[in-house]
Amino acid sequence: MRIYLEELVDQCHSRYHLRLLFPDSPFILQFHCEKDLYGISISNGGCTVLTDGSGESHFVIEGKEKDMLPLLSGEERLSQLIENNILEVRGGYRQLLFVESVLWLTRSRVKEPVQV
């Protein structure tokens, strides 16, 4: 799981145009995977994987680790996983839109049709 979060942070740093979306103060996103707790901090000053996932958060995604991997790898959208009752979230609607945008726009695998 941590490898996927580090990849997400790397993508945040490599896609400079996304910094326009990022808030000035750190936005804390937590992932609750059964007994494990992970977190990332997102801001236009930089993004980091938090070593201690506990503490104050702005948005929380809960579920099994195996169900979060398609989200973090860019294979599934957060809203689709919520709609299918695979993942649960805590936070406001504006935060949900922000998190979904960041997760979707930083995915490393882009599946685009090839036209010949």
PDB file of N, CA and C in Angstrom:
ATOM      1  N   MET A   1       0.826  -1.190   0.000  1.00  0.00           N
ATOM      2  CA  MET A   1       0.000   0.000   0.000  1.00  0.00           C
ATOM      3  C   MET A   1       0.872   1.257   0.000  1.00  0.00           C
ATOM      4  N   ARG A   2       1.901   1.225   0.818  1.00  0.00           N
ATOM      5  CA  ARG A   2       2.776   2.396   0.906  1.00  0.00           C
ATOM      6  C   ARG A   2       3.443   2.692  -0.438  1.00  0.00           C
ATOM      7  N   ILE A   3       3.761   1.661  -1.195  1.00  0.00           N
ATOM      8  CA  ILE A   3       4.380   1.848  -2.512  1.00  0.00           C
ATOM      9  C   ILE A   3       3.435   2.618  -3.434  1.00  0.00           C
ATOM     10  N   TYR A   4       2.150   2.286  -3.379  1.00  0.00           N
ATOM     11  CA  TYR A   4       1.165   2.981  -4.207  1.00  0.00           C
ATOM     12  C   TYR A   4       1.032   4.442  -3.787  1.00  0.00           C
ATOM     13  N   LEU A   5       1.080   4.710  -2.490  1.00  0.00           N
ATOM     14  CA  LEU A   5       0.984   6.086  -2.011  1.00  0.00           C
ATOM     15  C   LEU A   5       2.222   6.888  -2.411  1.00  0.00           C
ATOM     16  N   GLU A   6       3.389   6.269  -2.367  1.00  0.00           N
ATOM     17  CA  GLU A   6       4.608   6.956  -2.799  1.00  0.00           C
ATOM     18  C   GLU A   6       4.564   7.259  -4.289  1.00  0.00           C
ATOM     19  N   GLU A   7       3.998   6.354  -5.062  1.00  0.00           N
ATOM     20  CA  GLU A   7       3.823   6.591  -6.503  1.00  0.00           C
ATOM     21  C   GLU A   7       2.861   7.756  -6.734  1.00  0.00           C
ATOM     22  N   LEU A   8       1.793   7.817  -5.946  1.00  0.00           N
ATOM     23  CA  LEU A   8       0.832   8.922  -6.037  1.00  0.00           C
ATOM     24  C   LEU A   8       1.513  10.259  -5.754  1.00  0.00           C
ATOM     25  N   VAL A   9       2.333  10.298  -4.719  1.00  0.00           N
ATOM     26  CA  VAL A   9       3.066  11.517  -4.368  1.00  0.00           C
ATOM     27  C   VAL A   9       4.046  11.886  -5.484  1.00  0.00           C
ATOM     28  N   ASP A  10       4.728  10.900  -6.052  1.00  0.00           N
ATOM     29  CA  ASP A  10       5.635  11.172  -7.174  1.00  0.00           C
ATOM     30  C   ASP A  10       4.887  11.773  -8.357  1.00  0.00           C
ATOM     31  N   GLN A  11       3.712  11.244  -8.638  1.00  0.00           N
ATOM     32  CA  GLN A  11       2.903  11.775  -9.732  1.00  0.00           C
ATOM     33  C   GLN A  11       2.448  13.202  -9.438  1.00  0.00           C
ATOM     34  N   CYS A  12       2.123  13.493  -8.179  1.00  0.00           N
ATOM     35  CA  CYS A  12       1.749  14.860  -7.788  1.00  0.00           C
ATOM     36  C   CYS A  12       2.895  15.828  -8.059  1.00  0.00           C
ATOM     37  N   HIS A  13       4.118  15.397  -7.783  1.00  0.00           N
ATOM     38  CA  HIS A  13       5.275  16.262  -8.000  1.00  0.00           C
ATOM     39  C   HIS A  13       5.616  16.412  -9.474  1.00  0.00           C
ATOM     40  N   SER A  14       5.404  15.385 -10.260  1.00  0.00           N
ATOM     41  CA  SER A  14       5.801  15.429 -11.668  1.00  0.00           C
ATOM     42  C   SER A  14       4.788  16.162 -12.549  1.00  0.00           C
ATOM     43  N   ARG A  15       3.583  16.311 -12.089  1.00  0.00           N
ATOM     44  CA  ARG A  15       2.549  16.985 -12.894  1.00  0.00           C
ATOM     45  C   ARG A  15       2.296  18.368 -12.318  1.00  0.00           C
ATOM     46  N   TYR A  16       3.123  19.297 -12.774  1.00  0.00           N
ATOM     47  CA  TYR A  16       3.124  20.639 -12.207  1.00  0.00           C
ATOM     48  C   TYR A  16       1.801  21.369 -12.391  1.00  0.00           C
ATOM     49  N   HIS A  17       1.090  21.074 -13.462  1.00  0.00           N
ATOM     50  CA  HIS A  17      -0.183  21.759 -13.706  1.00  0.00           C
ATOM     51  C   HIS A  17      -1.227  21.445 -12.630  1.00  0.00           C
ATOM     52  N   LEU A  18      -1.058  20.341 -11.908  1.00  0.00           N
ATOM     53  CA  LEU A  18      -2.013  19.992 -10.855  1.00  0.00           C
ATOM     54  C   LEU A  18      -1.866  20.870  -9.617  1.00  0.00           C
ATOM     55  N   ARG A  19      -0.738  21.516  -9.480  1.00  0.00           N
ATOM     56  CA  ARG A  19      -0.514  22.359  -8.294  1.00  0.00           C
ATOM     57  C   ARG A  19      -1.544  23.474  -8.202  1.00  0.00           C
ATOM     58  N   LEU A  20      -2.144  23.846  -9.324  1.00  0.00           N
ATOM     59  CA  LEU A  20      -3.197  24.860  -9.295  1.00  0.00           C
ATOM     60  C   LEU A  20      -4.423  24.363  -8.526  1.00  0.00           C
ATOM     61  N   LEU A  21      -4.608  23.063  -8.477  1.00  0.00           N
ATOM     62  CA  LEU A  21      -5.726  22.471  -7.727  1.00  0.00           C
ATOM     63  C   LEU A  21      -5.436  22.365  -6.239  1.00  0.00           C
ATOM     64  N   PHE A  22      -4.165  22.298  -5.877  1.00  0.00           N
ATOM     65  CA  PHE A  22      -3.780  22.011  -4.500  1.00  0.00           C
ATOM     66  C   PHE A  22      -3.959  23.231  -3.605  1.00  0.00           C
ATOM     67  N   PRO A  23      -4.413  23.000  -2.378  1.00  0.00           N
ATOM     68  CA  PRO A  23      -4.599  24.109  -1.429  1.00  0.00           C
ATOM     69  C   PRO A  23      -3.265  24.618  -0.885  1.00  0.00           C
ATOM     70  N   ASP A  24      -3.290  25.837  -0.330  1.00  0.00           N
ATOM     71  CA  ASP A  24      -2.086  26.412   0.287  1.00  0.00           C
ATOM     72  C   ASP A  24      -1.709  25.655   1.553  1.00  0.00           C
ATOM     73  N   SER A  25      -2.697  25.360   2.389  1.00  0.00           N
ATOM     74  CA  SER A  25      -2.422  24.606   3.613  1.00  0.00           C
ATOM     75  C   SER A  25      -2.615  23.120   3.322  1.00  0.00           C
ATOM     76  N   PRO A  26      -1.869  22.254   3.991  1.00  0.00           N
ATOM     77  CA  PRO A  26      -1.922  20.819   3.696  1.00  0.00           C
ATOM     78  C   PRO A  26      -3.321  20.210   3.869  1.00  0.00           C
ATOM     79  N   PHE A  27      -3.713  19.442   2.873  1.00  0.00           N
ATOM     80  CA  PHE A  27      -4.947  18.653   2.892  1.00  0.00           C
ATOM     81  C   PHE A  27      -4.529  17.237   3.256  1.00  0.00           C
ATOM     82  N   ILE A  28      -5.068  16.719   4.353  1.00  0.00           N
ATOM     83  CA  ILE A  28      -4.686  15.395   4.846  1.00  0.00           C
ATOM     84  C   ILE A  28      -5.726  14.368   4.408  1.00  0.00           C
ATOM     85  N   LEU A  29      -5.260  13.395   3.656  1.00  0.00           N
ATOM     86  CA  LEU A  29      -6.101  12.301   3.172  1.00  0.00           C
ATOM     87  C   LEU A  29      -5.644  11.030   3.864  1.00  0.00           C
ATOM     88  N   GLN A  30      -6.581  10.356   4.532  1.00  0.00           N
ATOM     89  CA  GLN A  30      -6.254   9.109   5.236  1.00  0.00           C
ATOM     90  C   GLN A  30      -6.910   7.920   4.562  1.00  0.00           C
ATOM     91  N   PHE A  31      -6.202   6.808   4.646  1.00  0.00           N
ATOM     92  CA  PHE A  31      -6.701   5.530   4.142  1.00  0.00           C
ATOM     93  C   PHE A  31      -6.741   4.558   5.313  1.00  0.00           C
ATOM     94  N   HIS A  32      -7.932   4.051   5.646  1.00  0.00           N
ATOM     95  CA  HIS A  32      -8.079   3.039   6.693  1.00  0.00           C
ATOM     96  C   HIS A  32      -8.239   1.693   5.999  1.00  0.00           C
ATOM     97  N   CYS A  33      -7.231   0.854   6.146  1.00  0.00           N
ATOM     98  CA  CYS A  33      -7.250  -0.492   5.573  1.00  0.00           C
ATOM     99  C   CYS A  33      -7.310  -1.484   6.722  1.00  0.00           C
ATOM    100  N   GLU A  34      -8.528  -1.854   7.103  1.00  0.00           N
ATOM    101  CA  GLU A  34      -8.742  -2.744   8.234  1.00  0.00           C
ATOM    102  C   GLU A  34      -8.014  -2.200   9.461  1.00  0.00           C
ATOM    103  N   LYS A  35      -6.901  -2.788   9.881  1.00  0.00           N
ATOM    104  CA  LYS A  35      -6.199  -2.315  11.084  1.00  0.00           C
ATOM    105  C   LYS A  35      -5.103  -1.304  10.767  1.00  0.00           C
ATOM    106  N   ASP A  36      -4.741  -1.171   9.504  1.00  0.00           N
ATOM    107  CA  ASP A  36      -3.656  -0.264   9.113  1.00  0.00           C
ATOM    108  C   ASP A  36      -4.213   1.111   8.762  1.00  0.00           C
ATOM    109  N   LEU A  37      -3.391   2.122   9.015  1.00  0.00           N
ATOM    110  CA  LEU A  37      -3.771   3.506   8.761  1.00  0.00           C
ATOM    111  C   LEU A  37      -2.642   4.181   7.993  1.00  0.00           C
ATOM    112  N   TYR A  38      -2.972   4.764   6.851  1.00  0.00           N
ATOM    113  CA  TYR A  38      -2.002   5.458   6.012  1.00  0.00           C
ATOM    114  C   TYR A  38      -2.500   6.871   5.770  1.00  0.00           C
ATOM    115  N   GLY A  39      -1.593   7.764   5.425  1.00  0.00           N
ATOM    116  CA  GLY A  39      -1.996   9.125   5.145  1.00  0.00           C
ATOM    117  C   GLY A  39      -1.059   9.809   4.175  1.00  0.00           C
ATOM    118  N   ILE A  40      -1.613  10.793   3.452  1.00  0.00           N
ATOM    119  CA  ILE A  40      -0.797  11.645   2.606  1.00  0.00           C
ATOM    120  C   ILE A  40      -1.222  13.087   2.837  1.00  0.00           C
ATOM    121  N   SER A  41      -0.275  13.981   2.664  1.00  0.00           N
ATOM    122  CA  SER A  41      -0.505  15.405   2.780  1.00  0.00           C
ATOM    123  C   SER A  41      -0.354  16.007   1.389  1.00  0.00           C
ATOM    124  N   ILE A  42      -1.347  16.804   0.980  1.00  0.00           N
ATOM    125  CA  ILE A  42      -1.338  17.403  -0.349  1.00  0.00           C
ATOM    126  C   ILE A  42      -1.439  18.914  -0.196  1.00  0.00           C
ATOM    127  N   SER A  43      -0.478  19.621  -0.772  1.00  0.00           N
ATOM    128  CA  SER A  43      -0.550  21.085  -0.802  1.00  0.00           C
ATOM    129  C   SER A  43       0.307  21.579  -1.958  1.00  0.00           C
ATOM    130  N   ASN A  44       0.129  22.861  -2.308  1.00  0.00           N
ATOM    131  CA  ASN A  44       0.937  23.376  -3.414  1.00  0.00           C
ATOM    132  C   ASN A  44       2.389  23.569  -2.996  1.00  0.00           C
ATOM    133  N   GLY A  45       2.678  23.431  -1.707  1.00  0.00           N
ATOM    134  CA  GLY A  45       4.054  23.453  -1.221  1.00  0.00           C
ATOM    135  C   GLY A  45       4.744  22.112  -1.356  1.00  0.00           C
ATOM    136  N   GLY A  46       3.990  21.061  -1.644  1.00  0.00           N
ATOM    137  CA  GLY A  46       4.543  19.727  -1.797  1.00  0.00           C
ATOM    138  C   GLY A  46       3.615  18.669  -1.243  1.00  0.00           C
ATOM    139  N   CYS A  47       3.807  17.456  -1.684  1.00  0.00           N
ATOM    140  CA  CYS A  47       2.994  16.321  -1.245  1.00  0.00           C
ATOM    141  C   CYS A  47       3.929  15.311  -0.583  1.00  0.00           C
ATOM    142  N   THR A  48       3.443  14.687   0.490  1.00  0.00           N
ATOM    143  CA  THR A  48       4.257  13.711   1.199  1.00  0.00           C
ATOM    144  C   THR A  48       3.396  12.572   1.712  1.00  0.00           C
ATOM    145  N   VAL A  49       4.022  11.414   1.852  1.00  0.00           N
ATOM    146  CA  VAL A  49       3.391  10.293   2.530  1.00  0.00           C
ATOM    147  C   VAL A  49       3.670  10.482   4.008  1.00  0.00           C
ATOM    148  N   LEU A  50       2.643  10.434   4.824  1.00  0.00           N
ATOM    149  CA  LEU A  50       2.800  10.647   6.256  1.00  0.00           C
ATOM    150  C   LEU A  50       3.291   9.369   6.917  1.00  0.00           C
ATOM    151  N   THR A  51       4.274   9.506   7.774  1.00  0.00           N
ATOM    152  CA  THR A  51       4.802   8.337   8.466  1.00  0.00           C
ATOM    153  C   THR A  51       3.831   7.858   9.533  1.00  0.00           C
ATOM    154  N   ASP A  52       3.121   8.789  10.150  1.00  0.00           N
ATOM    155  CA  ASP A  52       2.111   8.440  11.145  1.00  0.00           C
ATOM    156  C   ASP A  52       0.762   8.848  10.586  1.00  0.00           C
ATOM    157  N   GLY A  53      -0.060   7.878  10.208  1.00  0.00           N
ATOM    158  CA  GLY A  53      -1.344   8.166   9.587  1.00  0.00           C
ATOM    159  C   GLY A  53      -2.401   8.671  10.541  1.00  0.00           C
ATOM    160  N   SER A  54      -2.156   8.593  11.843  1.00  0.00           N
ATOM    161  CA  SER A  54      -3.154   9.041  12.797  1.00  0.00           C
ATOM    162  C   SER A  54      -3.130  10.559  12.906  1.00  0.00           C
ATOM    163  N   GLY A  55      -4.173  11.107  13.462  1.00  0.00           N
ATOM    164  CA  GLY A  55      -4.252  12.553  13.629  1.00  0.00           C
ATOM    165  C   GLY A  55      -5.423  13.129  12.859  1.00  0.00           C
ATOM    166  N   GLU A  56      -5.403  14.437  12.734  1.00  0.00           N
ATOM    167  CA  GLU A  56      -6.485  15.170  12.065  1.00  0.00           C
ATOM    168  C   GLU A  56      -6.442  14.923  10.564  1.00  0.00           C
ATOM    169  N   SER A  57      -7.596  14.658   9.990  1.00  0.00           N
ATOM    170  CA  SER A  57      -7.671  14.448   8.541  1.00  0.00           C
ATOM    171  C   SER A  57      -8.846  15.234   7.975  1.00  0.00           C
ATOM    172  N   HIS A  58      -8.767  15.537   6.693  1.00  0.00           N
ATOM    173  CA  HIS A  58      -9.840  16.244   6.006  1.00  0.00           C
ATOM    174  C   HIS A  58     -10.776  15.281   5.275  1.00  0.00           C
ATOM    175  N   PHE A  59     -10.247  14.108   4.925  1.00  0.00           N
ATOM    176  CA  PHE A  59     -11.042  13.124   4.189  1.00  0.00           C
ATOM    177  C   PHE A  59     -10.492  11.743   4.494  1.00  0.00           C
ATOM    178  N   VAL A  60     -11.378  10.767   4.648  1.00  0.00           N
ATOM    179  CA  VAL A  60     -10.982   9.400   5.000  1.00  0.00           C
ATOM    180  C   VAL A  60     -11.621   8.422   4.013  1.00  0.00           C
ATOM    181  N   ILE A  61     -10.822   7.497   3.514  1.00  0.00           N
ATOM    182  CA  ILE A  61     -11.307   6.402   2.672  1.00  0.00           C
ATOM    183  C   ILE A  61     -11.096   5.121   3.458  1.00  0.00           C
ATOM    184  N   GLU A  62     -12.170   4.347   3.627  1.00  0.00           N
ATOM    185  CA  GLU A  62     -12.106   3.112   4.406  1.00  0.00           C
ATOM    186  C   GLU A  62     -12.448   1.916   3.536  1.00  0.00           C
ATOM    187  N   GLY A  63     -11.738   0.826   3.776  1.00  0.00           N
ATOM    188  CA  GLY A  63     -12.011  -0.410   3.060  1.00  0.00           C
ATOM    189  C   GLY A  63     -10.858  -1.371   3.206  1.00  0.00           C
ATOM    190  N   LYS A  64     -10.961  -2.468   2.484  1.00  0.00           N
ATOM    191  CA  LYS A  64      -9.894  -3.462   2.492  1.00  0.00           C
ATOM    192  C   LYS A  64      -8.790  -3.011   1.542  1.00  0.00           C
ATOM    193  N   GLU A  65      -7.572  -3.380   1.889  1.00  0.00           N
ATOM    194  CA  GLU A  65      -6.423  -2.968   1.074  1.00  0.00           C
ATOM    195  C   GLU A  65      -6.554  -3.452  -0.368  1.00  0.00           C
ATOM    196  N   LYS A  66      -7.024  -4.667  -0.551  1.00  0.00           N
ATOM    197  CA  LYS A  66      -7.162  -5.206  -1.910  1.00  0.00           C
ATOM    198  C   LYS A  66      -8.187  -4.423  -2.731  1.00  0.00           C
ATOM    199  N   ASP A  67      -9.149  -3.779  -2.061  1.00  0.00           N
ATOM    200  CA  ASP A  67     -10.141  -2.974  -2.763  1.00  0.00           C
ATOM    201  C   ASP A  67      -9.637  -1.571  -3.064  1.00  0.00           C
ATOM    202  N   MET A  68      -8.620  -1.110  -2.329  1.00  0.00           N
ATOM    203  CA  MET A  68      -8.062   0.224  -2.567  1.00  0.00           C
ATOM    204  C   MET A  68      -7.008   0.227  -3.664  1.00  0.00           C
ATOM    205  N   LEU A  69      -6.397  -0.905  -3.910  1.00  0.00           N
ATOM    206  CA  LEU A  69      -5.333  -0.962  -4.908  1.00  0.00           C
ATOM    207  C   LEU A  69      -5.803  -0.571  -6.306  1.00  0.00           C
ATOM    208  N   PRO A  70      -6.986  -1.005  -6.778  1.00  0.00           N
ATOM    209  CA  PRO A  70      -7.444  -0.538  -8.092  1.00  0.00           C
ATOM    210  C   PRO A  70      -7.668   0.977  -8.128  1.00  0.00           C
ATOM    211  N   LEU A  71      -8.052   1.561  -7.007  1.00  0.00           N
ATOM    212  CA  LEU A  71      -8.222   3.008  -6.922  1.00  0.00           C
ATOM    213  C   LEU A  71      -6.878   3.708  -7.067  1.00  0.00           C
ATOM    214  N   LEU A  72      -5.889   3.255  -6.320  1.00  0.00           N
ATOM    215  CA  LEU A  72      -4.581   3.900  -6.325  1.00  0.00           C
ATOM    216  C   LEU A  72      -3.785   3.620  -7.592  1.00  0.00           C
ATOM    217  N   SER A  73      -4.085   2.534  -8.271  1.00  0.00           N
ATOM    218  CA  SER A  73      -3.383   2.229  -9.514  1.00  0.00           C
ATOM    219  C   SER A  73      -4.061   2.871 -10.729  1.00  0.00           C
ATOM    220  N   GLY A  74      -5.210   3.506 -10.517  1.00  0.00           N
ATOM    221  CA  GLY A  74      -5.890   4.205 -11.601  1.00  0.00           C
ATOM    222  C   GLY A  74      -6.822   3.351 -12.423  1.00  0.00           C
ATOM    223  N   GLU A  75      -7.113   2.144 -11.958  1.00  0.00           N
ATOM    224  CA  GLU A  75      -7.999   1.260 -12.700  1.00  0.00           C
ATOM    225  C   GLU A  75      -9.476   1.543 -12.429  1.00  0.00           C
ATOM    226  N   GLU A  76      -9.792   2.077 -11.252  1.00  0.00           N
ATOM    227  CA  GLU A  76     -11.171   2.368 -10.862  1.00  0.00           C
ATOM    228  C   GLU A  76     -11.271   3.786 -10.313  1.00  0.00           C
ATOM    229  N   ARG A  77     -12.434   4.389 -10.473  1.00  0.00           N
ATOM    230  CA  ARG A  77     -12.702   5.708  -9.907  1.00  0.00           C
ATOM    231  C   ARG A  77     -13.271   5.558  -8.504  1.00  0.00           C
ATOM    232  N   LEU A  78     -12.974   6.513  -7.658  1.00  0.00           N
ATOM    233  CA  LEU A  78     -13.456   6.485  -6.284  1.00  0.00           C
ATOM    234  C   LEU A  78     -14.970   6.462  -6.230  1.00  0.00           C
ATOM    235  N   SER A  79     -15.631   7.289  -7.027  1.00  0.00           N
ATOM    236  CA  SER A  79     -17.097   7.350  -6.998  1.00  0.00           C
ATOM    237  C   SER A  79     -17.727   6.012  -7.376  1.00  0.00           C
ATOM    238  N   GLN A  80     -17.095   5.293  -8.293  1.00  0.00           N
ATOM    239  CA  GLN A  80     -17.614   3.984  -8.697  1.00  0.00           C
ATOM    240  C   GLN A  80     -17.474   2.973  -7.560  1.00  0.00           C
ATOM    241  N   LEU A  81     -16.361   3.003  -6.852  1.00  0.00           N
ATOM    242  CA  LEU A  81     -16.152   2.085  -5.733  1.00  0.00           C
ATOM    243  C   LEU A  81     -17.092   2.402  -4.575  1.00  0.00           C
ATOM    244  N   ILE A  82     -17.412   3.667  -4.383  1.00  0.00           N
ATOM    245  CA  ILE A  82     -18.371   4.053  -3.346  1.00  0.00           C
ATOM    246  C   ILE A  82     -19.768   3.596  -3.741  1.00  0.00           C
ATOM    247  N   GLU A  83     -20.127   3.829  -4.986  1.00  0.00           N
ATOM    248  CA  GLU A  83     -21.456   3.451  -5.484  1.00  0.00           C
ATOM    249  C   GLU A  83     -21.686   1.944  -5.383  1.00  0.00           C
ATOM    250  N   ASN A  84     -20.636   1.159  -5.588  1.00  0.00           N
ATOM    251  CA  ASN A  84     -20.742  -0.303  -5.513  1.00  0.00           C
ATOM    252  C   ASN A  84     -20.565  -0.831  -4.093  1.00  0.00           C
ATOM    253  N   ASN A  85     -20.528   0.071  -3.101  1.00  0.00           N
ATOM    254  CA  ASN A  85     -20.379  -0.290  -1.683  1.00  0.00           C
ATOM    255  C   ASN A  85     -19.108  -1.090  -1.407  1.00  0.00           C
ATOM    256  N   ILE A  86     -18.053  -0.792  -2.155  1.00  0.00           N
ATOM    257  CA  ILE A  86     -16.770  -1.455  -1.946  1.00  0.00           C
ATOM    258  C   ILE A  86     -15.940  -0.658  -0.950  1.00  0.00           C
ATOM    259  N   LEU A  87     -15.960   0.678  -1.083  1.00  0.00           N
ATOM    260  CA  LEU A  87     -15.259   1.565  -0.171  1.00  0.00           C
ATOM    261  C   LEU A  87     -16.241   2.532   0.479  1.00  0.00           C
ATOM    262  N   GLU A  88     -15.880   3.008   1.663  1.00  0.00           N
ATOM    263  CA  GLU A  88     -16.671   4.019   2.355  1.00  0.00           C
ATOM    264  C   GLU A  88     -15.794   5.238   2.557  1.00  0.00           C
ATOM    265  N   VAL A  89     -16.423   6.412   2.602  1.00  0.00           N
ATOM    266  CA  VAL A  89     -15.674   7.651   2.785  1.00  0.00           C
ATOM    267  C   VAL A  89     -16.316   8.484   3.881  1.00  0.00           C
ATOM    268  N   ARG A  90     -15.477   9.329   4.481  1.00  0.00           N
ATOM    269  CA  ARG A  90     -15.944  10.311   5.453  1.00  0.00           C
ATOM    270  C   ARG A  90     -15.362  11.652   5.058  1.00  0.00           C
ATOM    271  N   GLY A  91     -16.210  12.614   4.906  1.00  0.00           N
ATOM    272  CA  GLY A  91     -15.784  13.949   4.513  1.00  0.00           C
ATOM    273  C   GLY A  91     -16.875  14.597   3.693  1.00  0.00           C
ATOM    274  N   GLY A  92     -16.681  15.839   3.356  1.00  0.00           N
ATOM    275  CA  GLY A  92     -17.671  16.587   2.606  1.00  0.00           C
ATOM    276  C   GLY A  92     -17.627  16.303   1.119  1.00  0.00           C
ATOM    277  N   TYR A  93     -18.655  16.817   0.436  1.00  0.00           N
ATOM    278  CA  TYR A  93     -18.766  16.597  -1.005  1.00  0.00           C
ATOM    279  C   TYR A  93     -17.644  17.305  -1.761  1.00  0.00           C
ATOM    280  N   ARG A  94     -17.286  18.516  -1.347  1.00  0.00           N
ATOM    281  CA  ARG A  94     -16.208  19.252  -2.000  1.00  0.00           C
ATOM    282  C   ARG A  94     -14.883  18.495  -1.857  1.00  0.00           C
ATOM    283  N   GLN A  95     -14.639  17.925  -0.670  1.00  0.00           N
ATOM    284  CA  GLN A  95     -13.420  17.147  -0.448  1.00  0.00           C
ATOM    285  C   GLN A  95     -13.418  15.881  -1.296  1.00  0.00           C
ATOM    286  N   LEU A  96     -14.598  15.260  -1.438  1.00  0.00           N
ATOM    287  CA  LEU A  96     -14.723  14.070  -2.284  1.00  0.00           C
ATOM    288  C   LEU A  96     -14.341  14.402  -3.720  1.00  0.00           C
ATOM    289  N   LEU A  97     -14.844  15.511  -4.238  1.00  0.00           N
ATOM    290  CA  LEU A  97     -14.514  15.902  -5.615  1.00  0.00           C
ATOM    291  C   LEU A  97     -13.018  16.178  -5.770  1.00  0.00           C
ATOM    292  N   PHE A  98     -12.430  16.819  -4.772  1.00  0.00           N
ATOM    293  CA  PHE A  98     -10.997  17.104  -4.815  1.00  0.00           C
ATOM    294  C   PHE A  98     -10.185  15.811  -4.820  1.00  0.00           C
ATOM    295  N   VAL A  99     -10.511  14.899  -3.900  1.00  0.00           N
ATOM    296  CA  VAL A  99      -9.769  13.631  -3.797  1.00  0.00           C
ATOM    297  C   VAL A  99      -9.928  12.816  -5.077  1.00  0.00           C
ATOM    298  N   GLU A 100     -11.139  12.737  -5.587  1.00  0.00           N
ATOM    299  CA  GLU A 100     -11.346  11.970  -6.822  1.00  0.00           C
ATOM    300  C   GLU A 100     -10.564  12.587  -7.979  1.00  0.00           C
ATOM    301  N   SER A 101     -10.540  13.896  -8.065  1.00  0.00           N
ATOM    302  CA  SER A 101      -9.781  14.562  -9.133  1.00  0.00           C
ATOM    303  C   SER A 101      -8.293  14.271  -9.016  1.00  0.00           C
ATOM    304  N   VAL A 102      -7.757  14.391  -7.818  1.00  0.00           N
ATOM    305  CA  VAL A 102      -6.324  14.144  -7.621  1.00  0.00           C
ATOM    306  C   VAL A 102      -5.987  12.689  -7.937  1.00  0.00           C
ATOM    307  N   LEU A 103      -6.776  11.760  -7.438  1.00  0.00           N
ATOM    308  CA  LEU A 103      -6.498  10.341  -7.673  1.00  0.00           C
ATOM    309  C   LEU A 103      -6.590   9.997  -9.161  1.00  0.00           C
ATOM    310  N   TRP A 104      -7.559  10.560  -9.845  1.00  0.00           N
ATOM    311  CA  TRP A 104      -7.750  10.234 -11.258  1.00  0.00           C
ATOM    312  C   TRP A 104      -6.685  10.896 -12.136  1.00  0.00           C
ATOM    313  N   LEU A 105      -6.338  12.145 -11.822  1.00  0.00           N
ATOM    314  CA  LEU A 105      -5.383  12.872 -12.650  1.00  0.00           C
ATOM    315  C   LEU A 105      -3.930  12.471 -12.397  1.00  0.00           C
ATOM    316  N   THR A 106      -3.673  11.773 -11.304  1.00  0.00           N
ATOM    317  CA  THR A 106      -2.299  11.335 -11.015  1.00  0.00           C
ATOM    318  C   THR A 106      -2.097   9.853 -11.294  1.00  0.00           C
ATOM    319  N   ARG A 107      -3.078   9.214 -11.866  1.00  0.00           N
ATOM    320  CA  ARG A 107      -2.911   7.786 -12.133  1.00  0.00           C
ATOM    321  C   ARG A 107      -1.774   7.588 -13.124  1.00  0.00           C
ATOM    322  N   SER A 108      -1.018   6.537 -12.900  1.00  0.00           N
ATOM    323  CA  SER A 108       0.162   6.297 -13.733  1.00  0.00           C
ATOM    324  C   SER A 108      -0.179   5.545 -15.009  1.00  0.00           C
ATOM    325  N   ARG A 109      -1.251   4.802 -14.964  1.00  0.00           N
ATOM    326  CA  ARG A 109      -1.647   4.034 -16.143  1.00  0.00           C
ATOM    327  C   ARG A 109      -2.819   4.734 -16.808  1.00  0.00           C
ATOM    328  N   VAL A 110      -2.593   5.227 -17.979  1.00  0.00           N
ATOM    329  CA  VAL A 110      -3.668   5.859 -18.744  1.00  0.00           C
ATOM    330  C   VAL A 110      -4.033   4.914 -19.865  1.00  0.00           C
ATOM    331  N   LYS A 111      -5.288   4.474 -19.848  1.00  0.00           N
ATOM    332  CA  LYS A 111      -5.745   3.558 -20.878  1.00  0.00           C
ATOM    333  C   LYS A 111      -6.466   4.363 -21.952  1.00  0.00           C
ATOM    334  N   GLU A 112      -5.787   4.596 -23.050  1.00  0.00           N
ATOM    335  CA  GLU A 112      -6.364   5.332 -24.151  1.00  0.00           C
ATOM    336  C   GLU A 112      -6.390   4.425 -25.373  1.00  0.00           C
ATOM    337  N   PRO A 113      -7.467   4.518 -26.136  1.00  0.00           N
ATOM    338  CA  PRO A 113      -7.527   3.680 -27.334  1.00  0.00           C
ATOM    339  C   PRO A 113      -6.485   4.116 -28.364  1.00  0.00           C
ATOM    340  N   VAL A 114      -5.926   3.164 -29.047  1.00  0.00           N
ATOM    341  CA  VAL A 114      -4.948   3.431 -30.080  1.00  0.00           C
ATOM    342  C   VAL A 114      -5.663   3.436 -31.419  1.00  0.00           C
ATOM    343  N   GLN A 115      -5.512   4.532 -32.161  1.00  0.00           N
ATOM    344  CA  GLN A 115      -6.131   4.618 -33.481  1.00  0.00           C
ATOM    345  C   GLN A 115      -5.061   4.539 -34.546  1.00  0.00           C
ATOM    346  N   VAL A 116      -5.336   3.748 -35.575  1.00  0.00           N
ATOM    347  CA  VAL A 116      -4.373   3.581 -36.660  1.00  0.00           C
ATOM    348  C   VAL A 116      -4.930   4.187 -37.914  1.00  0.00           C
TER     349      VAL A 116
END
